[in-house]
Amino acid sequence: MSDNRATLARSAAIASISVAILLVVLKTWATWKTGSTAMLGSLADSALDLVASLATLVGVWIAAQPADDNHRFGHGKAEALAAVFQVMLIALSASGIAFRAIQRLVEGGRTEAAPEGMAVSGIAIIATLALLAWQRYVIARTRSVAISADHVHYQSDLLLNLAVIAALALDQYAGFAQADPLFGLAIAAWLLFGAWNAGSEAVDHLMDKEWPEEKRQRFVEVAARHPELSKLHDLRTRTAGNRDFVQFHVDLPEKMSVGAAHDIIERVEDDLLREFPDAEILIHIDPEGHVDEPGNPLVEKDEFARLEDDI
């Protein structure tokens, strides 16, 4: 299953690179023909998409590598690092586009060859829609944070290309010369917004943010199927790439043999892994009544008791 996810993630990254190359070539020609700031912004975005997609390919390839002596938890955070790199590129791109748009507003000027520019943007929309469909399919099956960040780029490309068409049409056919730089500024603002959203999940992975509450509660519900466990506390969860990590403490009778306790924990792990197949689970056994860190609510919070209260 893990090999299949890695193959899907790589296929999405390669598809992104192919589309980006096509768009860069077309938009370079269109920018030269039209002199449009909005088209220049779209070209810059596609060029950075190409670089970002290359980073995504490297990220998902590294993340798919198995754990080794130096990375015993695997390489999943490579995806988050690739996503952060993409966000930095988006922010730089947006800044450059905004500067060019402001310069164009001050200096004035008209675009040329609008039909050619609009045709290129139309081709870009068709190619981007096909890529987005494949990325959605891959994300649903891999939960790849790097592909998700790349997906944000190409979602914004749809609006970017529509904005270019609108800017060229208003400039050439409605005589609204300021449309092109104004749309360029709007594109820059949209890119920054997308960068913020794309970066948030990557930072969460790098900072080992806890799972969403619904997912944590589902995990506790599965563990609660085993009445032998009298308490579950110090539950810690995190995600790295497409891999989940969970650790927690449970109470078992003090006089229970090591072998009997081991058998119970094995059954608990098997049950949890059926529900959470991508998780790596570490369980620590405490004798009933033991207190690990008195006064520390994060450690001593009984998840079973909390589950009963919610019910």
C-alpha atoms as a PDB file:
ATOM      1  CA  MET A   1       0.000   0.000   0.000  1.00  0.00           C
ATOM      2  CA  SER A   2       2.821   2.409   0.868  1.00  0.00           C
ATOM      3  CA  ASP A   3       4.575   1.675  -2.436  1.00  0.00           C
ATOM      4  CA  ASN A   4       1.356   2.430  -4.320  1.00  0.00           C
ATOM      5  CA  ARG A   5       0.967   5.763  -2.512  1.00  0.00           C
ATOM      6  CA  ALA A   6       4.546   6.705  -3.353  1.00  0.00           C
ATOM      7  CA  THR A   7       3.988   5.828  -7.015  1.00  0.00           C
ATOM      8  CA  LEU A   8       0.800   7.912  -7.139  1.00  0.00           C
ATOM      9  CA  ALA A   9       2.517  10.895  -5.492  1.00  0.00           C
ATOM     10  CA  ARG A  10       5.407  10.725  -7.946  1.00  0.00           C
ATOM     11  CA  SER A  11       3.004  10.495 -10.890  1.00  0.00           C
ATOM     12  CA  ALA A  12       1.220  13.653  -9.712  1.00  0.00           C
ATOM     13  CA  ALA A  13       4.534  15.495  -9.337  1.00  0.00           C
ATOM     14  CA  ILE A  14       5.656  14.433 -12.841  1.00  0.00           C
ATOM     15  CA  ALA A  15       2.298  15.520 -14.283  1.00  0.00           C
ATOM     16  CA  SER A  16       2.732  18.919 -12.599  1.00  0.00           C
ATOM     17  CA  ILE A  17       6.192  19.336 -14.120  1.00  0.00           C
ATOM     18  CA  SER A  18       4.903  18.436 -17.596  1.00  0.00           C
ATOM     19  CA  VAL A  19       2.033  20.914 -17.409  1.00  0.00           C
ATOM     20  CA  ALA A  20       4.304  23.631 -15.997  1.00  0.00           C
ATOM     21  CA  ILE A  21       6.782  23.231 -18.878  1.00  0.00           C
ATOM     22  CA  LEU A  22       3.955  23.518 -21.425  1.00  0.00           C
ATOM     23  CA  LEU A  23       2.550  26.636 -19.757  1.00  0.00           C
ATOM     24  CA  VAL A  24       5.930  28.344 -19.404  1.00  0.00           C
ATOM     25  CA  VAL A  25       6.624  27.927 -23.121  1.00  0.00           C
ATOM     26  CA  LEU A  26       3.181  29.192 -24.158  1.00  0.00           C
ATOM     27  CA  LYS A  27       3.119  32.126 -21.721  1.00  0.00           C
ATOM     28  CA  THR A  28       6.642  33.235 -22.628  1.00  0.00           C
ATOM     29  CA  TRP A  29       5.505  33.602 -26.217  1.00  0.00           C
ATOM     30  CA  ALA A  30       2.248  35.298 -25.143  1.00  0.00           C
ATOM     31  CA  THR A  31       4.030  37.767 -22.853  1.00  0.00           C
ATOM     32  CA  TRP A  32       6.396  38.720 -25.691  1.00  0.00           C
ATOM     33  CA  LYS A  33       3.459  39.220 -28.055  1.00  0.00           C
ATOM     34  CA  THR A  34       1.149  41.168 -25.706  1.00  0.00           C
ATOM     35  CA  GLY A  35       3.410  43.021 -23.250  1.00  0.00           C
ATOM     36  CA  SER A  36       0.682  42.325 -20.652  1.00  0.00           C
ATOM     37  CA  THR A  37       1.500  42.692 -16.953  1.00  0.00           C
ATOM     38  CA  ALA A  38      -1.216  40.198 -16.087  1.00  0.00           C
ATOM     39  CA  MET A  39       0.270  37.714 -18.568  1.00  0.00           C
ATOM     40  CA  LEU A  40       3.734  38.391 -17.140  1.00  0.00           C
ATOM     41  CA  GLY A  41       2.366  37.620 -13.703  1.00  0.00           C
ATOM     42  CA  SER A  42       0.824  34.412 -14.993  1.00  0.00           C
ATOM     43  CA  LEU A  43       4.150  33.499 -16.656  1.00  0.00           C
ATOM     44  CA  ALA A  44       6.050  34.148 -13.432  1.00  0.00           C
ATOM     45  CA  ASP A  45       3.593  31.996 -11.528  1.00  0.00           C
ATOM     46  CA  SER A  46       3.946  29.139 -14.020  1.00  0.00           C
ATOM     47  CA  ALA A  47       7.748  29.396 -13.984  1.00  0.00           C
ATOM     48  CA  LEU A  48       7.740  29.179 -10.205  1.00  0.00           C
ATOM     49  CA  ASP A  49       5.220  26.356 -10.404  1.00  0.00           C
ATOM     50  CA  LEU A  50       7.786  24.482 -12.484  1.00  0.00           C
ATOM     51  CA  VAL A  51      10.489  24.979  -9.862  1.00  0.00           C
ATOM     52  CA  ALA A  52       8.040  24.139  -7.085  1.00  0.00           C
ATOM     53  CA  SER A  53       6.872  20.999  -8.878  1.00  0.00           C
ATOM     54  CA  LEU A  54      10.480  19.874  -9.190  1.00  0.00           C
ATOM     55  CA  ALA A  55      10.844  20.438  -5.444  1.00  0.00           C
ATOM     56  CA  THR A  56       7.639  18.466  -4.901  1.00  0.00           C
ATOM     57  CA  LEU A  57       9.003  15.539  -6.896  1.00  0.00           C
ATOM     58  CA  VAL A  58      12.181  15.537  -4.811  1.00  0.00           C
ATOM     59  CA  GLY A  59      10.138  15.879  -1.610  1.00  0.00           C
ATOM     60  CA  VAL A  60       7.768  12.984  -2.297  1.00  0.00           C
ATOM     61  CA  TRP A  61      10.657  10.816  -3.493  1.00  0.00           C
ATOM     62  CA  ILE A  62      12.631  11.409  -0.277  1.00  0.00           C
ATOM     63  CA  ALA A  63       9.512  11.008   1.881  1.00  0.00           C
ATOM     64  CA  ALA A  64       8.873   7.593   0.327  1.00  0.00           C
ATOM     65  CA  GLN A  65      12.277   6.282   1.396  1.00  0.00           C
ATOM     66  CA  PRO A  66      12.118   3.769   4.270  1.00  0.00           C
ATOM     67  CA  ALA A  67      13.467   4.531   7.720  1.00  0.00           C
ATOM     68  CA  ASP A  68      17.229   4.163   8.116  1.00  0.00           C
ATOM     69  CA  ASP A  69      19.830   4.374  10.873  1.00  0.00           C
ATOM     70  CA  ASN A  70      19.873   8.173  10.800  1.00  0.00           C
ATOM     71  CA  HIS A  71      16.115   8.675  10.306  1.00  0.00           C
ATOM     72  CA  ARG A  72      14.383   6.073  12.430  1.00  0.00           C
ATOM     73  CA  PHE A  73      11.008   7.815  12.087  1.00  0.00           C
ATOM     74  CA  GLY A  74      11.263   7.816   8.299  1.00  0.00           C
ATOM     75  CA  HIS A  75      11.565  10.770   5.921  1.00  0.00           C
ATOM     76  CA  GLY A  76       7.966  12.014   5.823  1.00  0.00           C
ATOM     77  CA  LYS A  77       8.809  15.594   6.773  1.00  0.00           C
ATOM     78  CA  ALA A  78      10.602  16.019   3.449  1.00  0.00           C
ATOM     79  CA  GLU A  79       7.151  16.699   1.989  1.00  0.00           C
ATOM     80  CA  ALA A  80       6.553  19.536   4.448  1.00  0.00           C
ATOM     81  CA  LEU A  81       9.968  21.025   3.647  1.00  0.00           C
ATOM     82  CA  ALA A  82       9.135  20.892  -0.071  1.00  0.00           C
ATOM     83  CA  ALA A  83       5.836  22.648   0.652  1.00  0.00           C
ATOM     84  CA  VAL A  84       7.599  25.396   2.630  1.00  0.00           C
ATOM     85  CA  PHE A  85       9.994  25.907  -0.294  1.00  0.00           C
ATOM     86  CA  GLN A  86       7.011  26.275  -2.622  1.00  0.00           C
ATOM     87  CA  VAL A  87       5.420  28.867  -0.329  1.00  0.00           C
ATOM     88  CA  MET A  88       8.614  30.931  -0.348  1.00  0.00           C
ATOM     89  CA  LEU A  89       8.622  30.894  -4.148  1.00  0.00           C
ATOM     90  CA  ILE A  90       4.972  31.939  -4.297  1.00  0.00           C
ATOM     91  CA  ALA A  91       5.648  34.888  -1.987  1.00  0.00           C
ATOM     92  CA  LEU A  92       8.607  36.031  -4.113  1.00  0.00           C
ATOM     93  CA  SER A  93       6.538  35.696  -7.263  1.00  0.00           C
ATOM     94  CA  ALA A  94       3.678  37.730  -5.806  1.00  0.00           C
ATOM     95  CA  SER A  95       6.063  40.503  -4.748  1.00  0.00           C
ATOM     96  CA  GLY A  96       7.574  40.764  -8.224  1.00  0.00           C
ATOM     97  CA  ILE A  97       4.171  40.819  -9.912  1.00  0.00           C
ATOM     98  CA  ALA A  98       2.891  43.534  -7.566  1.00  0.00           C
ATOM     99  CA  PHE A  99       5.980  45.680  -8.234  1.00  0.00           C
ATOM    100  CA  ARG A 100       5.555  45.336 -12.013  1.00  0.00           C
ATOM    101  CA  ALA A 101       1.824  46.119 -11.789  1.00  0.00           C
ATOM    102  CA  ILE A 102       2.413  49.294  -9.756  1.00  0.00           C
ATOM    103  CA  GLN A 103       5.096  50.369 -12.205  1.00  0.00           C
ATOM    104  CA  ARG A 104       2.672  49.826 -15.086  1.00  0.00           C
ATOM    105  CA  LEU A 105      -0.042  51.878 -13.334  1.00  0.00           C
ATOM    106  CA  VAL A 106       2.376  54.775 -12.907  1.00  0.00           C
ATOM    107  CA  GLU A 107       3.863  54.637 -16.401  1.00  0.00           C
ATOM    108  CA  GLY A 108       0.691  53.690 -18.297  1.00  0.00           C
ATOM    109  CA  GLY A 109       0.641  51.794 -21.595  1.00  0.00           C
ATOM    110  CA  ARG A 110      -1.567  49.363 -23.504  1.00  0.00           C
ATOM    111  CA  THR A 111      -1.336  45.661 -24.243  1.00  0.00           C
ATOM    112  CA  GLU A 112      -1.118  44.225 -27.751  1.00  0.00           C
ATOM    113  CA  ALA A 113      -2.126  41.018 -29.556  1.00  0.00           C
ATOM    114  CA  ALA A 114      -4.946  40.342 -27.092  1.00  0.00           C
ATOM    115  CA  PRO A 115      -6.508  37.418 -29.066  1.00  0.00           C
ATOM    116  CA  GLU A 116      -3.242  35.450 -28.955  1.00  0.00           C
ATOM    117  CA  GLY A 117      -2.896  36.079 -25.234  1.00  0.00           C
ATOM    118  CA  MET A 118      -6.465  34.997 -24.543  1.00  0.00           C
ATOM    119  CA  ALA A 119      -5.996  31.838 -26.624  1.00  0.00           C
ATOM    120  CA  VAL A 120      -2.896  30.880 -24.619  1.00  0.00           C
ATOM    121  CA  SER A 121      -4.799  31.432 -21.374  1.00  0.00           C
ATOM    122  CA  GLY A 122      -7.617  29.213 -22.662  1.00  0.00           C
ATOM    123  CA  ILE A 123      -5.172  26.391 -23.422  1.00  0.00           C
ATOM    124  CA  ALA A 124      -3.660  26.860 -19.955  1.00  0.00           C
ATOM    125  CA  ILE A 125      -7.096  26.518 -18.332  1.00  0.00           C
ATOM    126  CA  ILE A 126      -7.789  23.215 -20.119  1.00  0.00           C
ATOM    127  CA  ALA A 127      -4.379  21.750 -19.171  1.00  0.00           C
ATOM    128  CA  THR A 128      -4.734  22.938 -15.568  1.00  0.00           C
ATOM    129  CA  LEU A 129      -8.212  21.421 -15.163  1.00  0.00           C
ATOM    130  CA  ALA A 130      -6.873  18.034 -16.278  1.00  0.00           C
ATOM    131  CA  LEU A 131      -3.950  18.266 -13.842  1.00  0.00           C
ATOM    132  CA  LEU A 132      -6.185  19.317 -10.931  1.00  0.00           C
ATOM    133  CA  ALA A 133      -8.438  16.314 -11.486  1.00  0.00           C
ATOM    134  CA  TRP A 134      -5.470  13.941 -11.276  1.00  0.00           C
ATOM    135  CA  GLN A 135      -4.041  15.716  -8.226  1.00  0.00           C
ATOM    136  CA  ARG A 136      -7.366  15.439  -6.378  1.00  0.00           C
ATOM    137  CA  TYR A 137      -7.393  11.704  -7.089  1.00  0.00           C
ATOM    138  CA  VAL A 138      -3.833  11.320  -5.775  1.00  0.00           C
ATOM    139  CA  ILE A 139      -4.371  13.500  -2.681  1.00  0.00           C
ATOM    140  CA  ALA A 140      -7.459  11.500  -1.684  1.00  0.00           C
ATOM    141  CA  ARG A 141      -5.364   8.323  -1.677  1.00  0.00           C
ATOM    142  CA  THR A 142      -2.009   9.553  -0.368  1.00  0.00           C
ATOM    143  CA  ARG A 143      -2.735  12.597   1.870  1.00  0.00           C
ATOM    144  CA  SER A 144       0.506  14.058   0.500  1.00  0.00           C
ATOM    145  CA  VAL A 145       1.103  17.539   1.930  1.00  0.00           C
ATOM    146  CA  ALA A 146       3.538  18.367  -0.893  1.00  0.00           C
ATOM    147  CA  ILE A 147       1.031  17.438  -3.612  1.00  0.00           C
ATOM    148  CA  SER A 148      -1.619  19.374  -1.676  1.00  0.00           C
ATOM    149  CA  ALA A 149       0.571  22.489  -1.737  1.00  0.00           C
ATOM    150  CA  ASP A 150       1.188  21.977  -5.452  1.00  0.00           C
ATOM    151  CA  HIS A 151      -2.565  21.626  -5.912  1.00  0.00           C
ATOM    152  CA  VAL A 152      -3.008  25.103  -4.423  1.00  0.00           C
ATOM    153  CA  HIS A 153      -0.696  26.537  -7.098  1.00  0.00           C
ATOM    154  CA  TYR A 154      -2.714  25.116  -9.932  1.00  0.00           C
ATOM    155  CA  GLN A 155      -6.054  26.028  -8.382  1.00  0.00           C
ATOM    156  CA  SER A 156      -4.842  29.616  -8.364  1.00  0.00           C
ATOM    157  CA  ASP A 157      -3.726  29.178 -11.986  1.00  0.00           C
ATOM    158  CA  LEU A 158      -7.347  28.806 -13.051  1.00  0.00           C
ATOM    159  CA  LEU A 159      -8.176  32.212 -11.598  1.00  0.00           C
ATOM    160  CA  LEU A 160      -4.939  33.665 -12.902  1.00  0.00           C
ATOM    161  CA  ASN A 161      -5.689  32.631 -16.460  1.00  0.00           C
ATOM    162  CA  LEU A 162      -9.282  33.849 -16.234  1.00  0.00           C
ATOM    163  CA  ALA A 163      -7.950  37.146 -14.869  1.00  0.00           C
ATOM    164  CA  VAL A 164      -5.530  37.440 -17.791  1.00  0.00           C
ATOM    165  CA  ILE A 165      -8.365  36.900 -20.275  1.00  0.00           C
ATOM    166  CA  ALA A 166     -10.496  39.532 -18.516  1.00  0.00           C
ATOM    167  CA  ALA A 167      -7.625  42.027 -18.331  1.00  0.00           C
ATOM    168  CA  LEU A 168      -6.761  41.653 -22.014  1.00  0.00           C
ATOM    169  CA  ALA A 169     -10.402  41.915 -23.070  1.00  0.00           C
ATOM    170  CA  LEU A 170     -11.072  45.032 -20.974  1.00  0.00           C
ATOM    171  CA  ASP A 171      -7.867  46.672 -22.181  1.00  0.00           C
ATOM    172  CA  GLN A 172      -8.262  45.923 -25.886  1.00  0.00           C
ATOM    173  CA  TYR A 173     -12.020  45.993 -26.389  1.00  0.00           C
ATOM    174  CA  ALA A 174     -13.331  48.297 -23.644  1.00  0.00           C
ATOM    175  CA  GLY A 175     -10.465  50.792 -23.655  1.00  0.00           C
ATOM    176  CA  PHE A 176      -9.833  50.309 -19.922  1.00  0.00           C
ATOM    177  CA  ALA A 177      -6.016  50.547 -19.923  1.00  0.00           C
ATOM    178  CA  GLN A 178      -5.718  50.192 -16.158  1.00  0.00           C
ATOM    179  CA  ALA A 179      -7.391  46.767 -16.210  1.00  0.00           C
ATOM    180  CA  ASP A 180      -4.157  44.898 -16.922  1.00  0.00           C
ATOM    181  CA  PRO A 181      -2.060  46.247 -13.989  1.00  0.00           C
ATOM    182  CA  LEU A 182      -5.056  46.160 -11.629  1.00  0.00           C
ATOM    183  CA  PHE A 183      -5.626  42.510 -12.414  1.00  0.00           C
ATOM    184  CA  GLY A 184      -1.893  42.002 -11.912  1.00  0.00           C
ATOM    185  CA  LEU A 185      -2.202  43.407  -8.387  1.00  0.00           C
ATOM    186  CA  ALA A 186      -5.217  41.170  -7.723  1.00  0.00           C
ATOM    187  CA  ILE A 187      -3.221  38.155  -8.909  1.00  0.00           C
ATOM    188  CA  ALA A 188      -0.374  39.048  -6.537  1.00  0.00           C
ATOM    189  CA  ALA A 189      -2.807  39.317  -3.615  1.00  0.00           C
ATOM    190  CA  TRP A 190      -4.362  35.964  -4.498  1.00  0.00           C
ATOM    191  CA  LEU A 191      -0.966  34.301  -4.648  1.00  0.00           C
ATOM    192  CA  LEU A 192      -0.067  35.596  -1.180  1.00  0.00           C
ATOM    193  CA  PHE A 193      -3.366  34.308   0.179  1.00  0.00           C
ATOM    194  CA  GLY A 194      -2.692  30.897  -1.358  1.00  0.00           C
ATOM    195  CA  ALA A 195       0.835  30.879   0.057  1.00  0.00           C
ATOM    196  CA  TRP A 196      -0.493  31.505   3.552  1.00  0.00           C
ATOM    197  CA  ASN A 197      -2.973  28.634   3.312  1.00  0.00           C
ATOM    198  CA  ALA A 198      -0.502  26.229   1.721  1.00  0.00           C
ATOM    199  CA  GLY A 199       2.153  27.020   4.328  1.00  0.00           C
ATOM    200  CA  SER A 200      -0.108  26.448   7.315  1.00  0.00           C
ATOM    201  CA  GLU A 201      -0.395  22.684   6.893  1.00  0.00           C
ATOM    202  CA  ALA A 202       3.318  22.295   6.186  1.00  0.00           C
ATOM    203  CA  VAL A 203       4.188  24.207   9.365  1.00  0.00           C
ATOM    204  CA  ASP A 204       1.732  22.041  11.313  1.00  0.00           C
ATOM    205  CA  HIS A 205       3.597  18.935  10.144  1.00  0.00           C
ATOM    206  CA  LEU A 206       6.996  20.388  10.989  1.00  0.00           C
ATOM    207  CA  MET A 207       5.761  21.498  14.427  1.00  0.00           C
ATOM    208  CA  ASP A 208       4.200  18.089  15.163  1.00  0.00           C
ATOM    209  CA  LYS A 209       0.714  19.491  15.621  1.00  0.00           C
ATOM    210  CA  GLU A 210      -1.810  17.119  17.198  1.00  0.00           C
ATOM    211  CA  TRP A 211      -4.375  15.370  15.030  1.00  0.00           C
ATOM    212  CA  PRO A 212      -7.778  17.043  14.582  1.00  0.00           C
ATOM    213  CA  GLU A 213     -10.010  16.393  17.579  1.00  0.00           C
ATOM    214  CA  GLU A 214     -12.390  14.166  15.596  1.00  0.00           C
ATOM    215  CA  LYS A 215      -9.552  11.885  14.534  1.00  0.00           C
ATOM    216  CA  ARG A 216      -8.100  11.706  18.063  1.00  0.00           C
ATOM    217  CA  GLN A 217     -11.509  10.838  19.493  1.00  0.00           C
ATOM    218  CA  ARG A 218     -12.013   8.105  16.910  1.00  0.00           C
ATOM    219  CA  PHE A 219      -8.652   6.625  17.919  1.00  0.00           C
ATOM    220  CA  VAL A 220      -9.659   6.592  21.597  1.00  0.00           C
ATOM    221  CA  GLU A 221     -13.013   5.021  20.720  1.00  0.00           C
ATOM    222  CA  VAL A 222     -11.254   2.120  19.006  1.00  0.00           C
ATOM    223  CA  ALA A 223      -8.912   1.606  21.974  1.00  0.00           C
ATOM    224  CA  ALA A 224     -11.901   1.726  24.345  1.00  0.00           C
ATOM    225  CA  ARG A 225     -13.249  -1.472  22.771  1.00  0.00           C
ATOM    226  CA  HIS A 226     -10.813  -3.323  25.018  1.00  0.00           C
ATOM    227  CA  PRO A 227     -12.182  -3.460  28.580  1.00  0.00           C
ATOM    228  CA  GLU A 228      -8.857  -4.789  29.883  1.00  0.00           C
ATOM    229  CA  LEU A 229      -7.490  -1.244  29.611  1.00  0.00           C
ATOM    230  CA  SER A 230      -8.630   0.797  32.611  1.00  0.00           C
ATOM    231  CA  LYS A 231      -7.038   4.098  31.601  1.00  0.00           C
ATOM    232  CA  LEU A 232      -5.497   5.711  28.540  1.00  0.00           C
ATOM    233  CA  HIS A 233      -3.443   8.829  29.130  1.00  0.00           C
ATOM    234  CA  ASP A 234      -0.518  10.876  27.774  1.00  0.00           C
ATOM    235  CA  LEU A 235      -1.896  10.443  24.250  1.00  0.00           C
ATOM    236  CA  ARG A 236       0.376  12.153  21.729  1.00  0.00           C
ATOM    237  CA  THR A 237      -0.249  12.245  17.977  1.00  0.00           C
ATOM    238  CA  ARG A 238       1.464  13.772  14.975  1.00  0.00           C
ATOM    239  CA  THR A 239       1.710  13.376  11.219  1.00  0.00           C
ATOM    240  CA  ALA A 240       4.758  13.423   8.941  1.00  0.00           C
ATOM    241  CA  GLY A 241       4.017  13.230   5.235  1.00  0.00           C
ATOM    242  CA  ASN A 242       1.530  10.375   4.786  1.00  0.00           C
ATOM    243  CA  ARG A 243       2.580   8.646   8.017  1.00  0.00           C
ATOM    244  CA  ASP A 244       0.882   9.007  11.409  1.00  0.00           C
ATOM    245  CA  PHE A 245       2.648   8.546  14.742  1.00  0.00           C
ATOM    246  CA  VAL A 246       0.852   7.809  18.011  1.00  0.00           C
ATOM    247  CA  GLN A 247       2.035   7.066  21.531  1.00  0.00           C
ATOM    248  CA  PHE A 248       0.116   6.670  24.772  1.00  0.00           C
ATOM    249  CA  HIS A 249       0.106   5.061  28.224  1.00  0.00           C
ATOM    250  CA  VAL A 250      -2.446   2.498  29.449  1.00  0.00           C
ATOM    251  CA  ASP A 251      -3.074   1.015  32.910  1.00  0.00           C
ATOM    252  CA  LEU A 252      -3.067  -2.741  33.490  1.00  0.00           C
ATOM    253  CA  PRO A 253      -3.218  -4.741  36.748  1.00  0.00           C
ATOM    254  CA  GLU A 254       0.065  -4.545  38.648  1.00  0.00           C
ATOM    255  CA  LYS A 255       0.320  -8.319  39.189  1.00  0.00           C
ATOM    256  CA  MET A 256      -0.435  -9.265  35.579  1.00  0.00           C
ATOM    257  CA  SER A 257       2.398 -11.228  33.959  1.00  0.00           C
ATOM    258  CA  VAL A 258       4.516  -9.630  31.270  1.00  0.00           C
ATOM    259  CA  GLY A 259       3.318 -12.243  28.794  1.00  0.00           C
ATOM    260  CA  ALA A 260      -0.377 -11.593  29.498  1.00  0.00           C
ATOM    261  CA  ALA A 261       0.118  -7.821  29.285  1.00  0.00           C
ATOM    262  CA  HIS A 262       1.980  -8.249  25.998  1.00  0.00           C
ATOM    263  CA  ASP A 263      -0.859 -10.300  24.501  1.00  0.00           C
ATOM    264  CA  ILE A 264      -3.399  -7.620  25.423  1.00  0.00           C
ATOM    265  CA  ILE A 265      -1.301  -4.843  23.920  1.00  0.00           C
ATOM    266  CA  GLU A 266      -0.800  -6.868  20.738  1.00  0.00           C
ATOM    267  CA  ARG A 267      -4.585  -7.198  20.346  1.00  0.00           C
ATOM    268  CA  VAL A 268      -5.038  -3.470  20.978  1.00  0.00           C
ATOM    269  CA  GLU A 269      -2.392  -2.601  18.368  1.00  0.00           C
ATOM    270  CA  ASP A 270      -3.904  -4.936  15.783  1.00  0.00           C
ATOM    271  CA  ASP A 271      -7.344  -3.413  16.301  1.00  0.00           C
ATOM    272  CA  LEU A 272      -6.000   0.149  16.057  1.00  0.00           C
ATOM    273  CA  LEU A 273      -3.972  -0.595  12.932  1.00  0.00           C
ATOM    274  CA  ARG A 274      -7.035  -1.964  11.160  1.00  0.00           C
ATOM    275  CA  GLU A 275      -8.675   1.425  11.650  1.00  0.00           C
ATOM    276  CA  PHE A 276      -5.482   3.494  11.218  1.00  0.00           C
ATOM    277  CA  PRO A 277      -3.309   1.478   8.802  1.00  0.00           C
ATOM    278  CA  ASP A 278      -0.808   4.293   8.206  1.00  0.00           C
ATOM    279  CA  ALA A 279       0.008   4.766  11.881  1.00  0.00           C
ATOM    280  CA  GLU A 280       3.082   3.808  13.851  1.00  0.00           C
ATOM    281  CA  ILE A 281       1.918   3.100  17.405  1.00  0.00           C
ATOM    282  CA  LEU A 282       3.942   3.029  20.620  1.00  0.00           C
ATOM    283  CA  ILE A 283       2.176   1.892  23.817  1.00  0.00           C
ATOM    284  CA  HIS A 284       3.608   2.181  27.340  1.00  0.00           C
ATOM    285  CA  ILE A 285       2.134   0.078  30.163  1.00  0.00           C
ATOM    286  CA  ASP A 286       1.608   1.520  33.664  1.00  0.00           C
ATOM    287  CA  PRO A 287       0.463  -0.415  36.759  1.00  0.00           C
ATOM    288  CA  GLU A 288      -3.047   0.588  37.794  1.00  0.00           C
ATOM    289  CA  GLY A 289      -3.040   3.685  39.979  1.00  0.00           C
ATOM    290  CA  HIS A 290       0.413   4.845  38.892  1.00  0.00           C
ATOM    291  CA  VAL A 291       0.849   8.594  38.362  1.00  0.00           C
ATOM    292  CA  ASP A 292       3.562   9.579  35.875  1.00  0.00           C
ATOM    293  CA  GLU A 293       3.756  13.322  36.410  1.00  0.00           C
ATOM    294  CA  PRO A 294       1.482  14.569  39.214  1.00  0.00           C
ATOM    295  CA  GLY A 295      -0.039  17.921  38.371  1.00  0.00           C
ATOM    296  CA  ASN A 296       0.658  17.707  34.641  1.00  0.00           C
ATOM    297  CA  PRO A 297      -2.777  17.750  32.960  1.00  0.00           C
ATOM    298  CA  LEU A 298      -1.358  16.949  29.523  1.00  0.00           C
ATOM    299  CA  VAL A 299       0.160  13.708  30.783  1.00  0.00           C
ATOM    300  CA  GLU A 300      -2.459  12.580  33.281  1.00  0.00           C
ATOM    301  CA  LYS A 301      -5.613  13.388  31.285  1.00  0.00           C
ATOM    302  CA  ASP A 302      -7.622  10.159  31.040  1.00  0.00           C
ATOM    303  CA  GLU A 303      -8.895   9.912  27.471  1.00  0.00           C
ATOM    304  CA  PHE A 304     -11.337   7.120  28.350  1.00  0.00           C
ATOM    305  CA  ALA A 305     -12.951   9.248  31.066  1.00  0.00           C
ATOM    306  CA  ARG A 306     -13.103  12.192  28.676  1.00  0.00           C
ATOM    307  CA  LEU A 307     -14.757   9.990  26.077  1.00  0.00           C
ATOM    308  CA  GLU A 308     -17.442   8.966  28.585  1.00  0.00           C
ATOM    309  CA  ASP A 309     -18.052  12.598  29.514  1.00  0.00           C
ATOM    310  CA  ASP A 310     -18.567  13.498  25.854  1.00  0.00           C
ATOM    311  CA  ILE A 311     -21.086  10.689  25.492  1.00  0.00           C
END
